[in-house]
Amino acid sequence: MMLRIGYFAEPSAPDVRPTVLLAVSSQFGTYGDALVTAQQTARDLEAHSFSIDWPSGTSDHYFKDGDGWRQK
């Protein structure tokens, strides 16, 4: 499945959109593969959050929560 993953810095203020650190599209065998890749890359980039965008236009958003990630 082709998914787009965007990685974001922490917003500078509550009403400000976060800066995009990196956005990539790639083919994944499963959603789990995409999620593992996204989490590792987000850690490497020291990202505050990331989103996994589906071809249908929907997105799953994840935010740094301690040492892990939680879905919004």
Protein backbone atom coordinates (compact mmCIF):
# COMPACT_ATOMS: atom_id res chain seq x y z
CA MET A 1 0.00 0.00 0.00
CA MET A 2 1.27 3.47 -0.87
CA LEU A 3 1.21 5.80 2.15
CA ARG A 4 2.52 9.29 2.80
CA ILE A 5 4.19 10.01 6.14
CA GLY A 6 4.77 13.54 7.40
CA TYR A 7 7.01 14.43 10.36
CA PHE A 8 6.54 17.65 12.31
CA ALA A 9 8.41 19.84 14.80
CA GLU A 10 6.77 21.00 18.01
CA PRO A 11 4.49 24.00 17.30
CA SER A 12 5.91 27.33 18.47
CA ALA A 13 2.52 28.39 19.87
CA PRO A 14 -0.84 26.69 20.49
CA ASP A 15 -2.51 28.25 17.42
CA VAL A 16 0.46 27.84 15.04
CA ARG A 17 0.79 24.94 12.60
CA PRO A 18 3.90 22.84 13.20
CA THR A 19 6.83 23.03 10.80
CA VAL A 20 7.18 20.08 8.45
CA LEU A 21 10.52 18.33 9.01
CA LEU A 22 10.12 15.70 6.31
CA ALA A 23 7.38 14.23 4.12
CA VAL A 24 7.82 10.98 2.20
CA SER A 25 5.66 8.58 0.22
CA SER A 26 6.53 4.91 0.17
CA GLN A 27 5.13 1.46 -0.49
CA PHE A 28 4.50 -0.68 2.62
CA GLY A 29 3.43 -4.30 2.96
CA THR A 30 1.22 -3.59 5.99
CA TYR A 31 0.09 -0.69 8.13
CA GLY A 32 2.21 -2.15 10.93
CA ASP A 33 5.31 -1.87 8.73
CA ALA A 34 4.48 1.78 8.03
CA LEU A 35 3.92 2.51 11.72
CA VAL A 36 7.24 0.94 12.81
CA THR A 37 9.10 2.87 10.10
CA ALA A 38 7.34 6.12 11.00
CA GLN A 39 8.06 5.76 14.72
CA GLN A 40 11.77 5.04 14.17
CA THR A 41 12.18 7.89 11.69
CA ALA A 42 10.34 10.28 14.03
CA ARG A 43 12.73 9.33 16.85
CA ASP A 44 15.73 9.84 14.56
CA LEU A 45 14.44 13.28 13.50
CA GLU A 46 13.45 14.14 17.08
CA ALA A 47 10.00 14.95 15.70
CA HIS A 48 7.15 16.04 17.95
CA SER A 49 4.52 14.27 15.84
CA PHE A 50 3.90 12.43 12.60
CA SER A 51 0.94 11.59 10.41
CA ILE A 52 0.27 8.64 8.15
CA ASP A 53 -1.87 9.72 5.22
CA TRP A 54 -4.06 7.23 3.37
CA PRO A 55 -4.84 7.46 -0.36
CA SER A 56 -8.50 8.05 0.58
CA GLY A 57 -7.55 11.41 2.15
CA THR A 58 -7.81 10.35 5.80
CA SER A 59 -4.87 10.56 8.22
CA ASP A 60 -3.74 8.96 11.44
CA HIS A 61 -1.92 11.40 13.74
CA TYR A 62 0.59 10.38 16.40
CA PHE A 63 2.17 12.58 19.09
CA LYS A 64 5.23 12.05 21.27
CA ASP A 65 4.14 10.78 24.68
CA GLY A 66 7.11 10.20 26.96
CA ASP A 67 9.22 7.49 25.34
CA GLY A 68 6.41 6.35 23.04
CA TRP A 69 3.72 7.60 20.67
CA ARG A 70 0.00 7.99 21.15
CA GLN A 71 -2.60 8.31 18.47
CA LYS A 72 -4.81 11.37 18.50
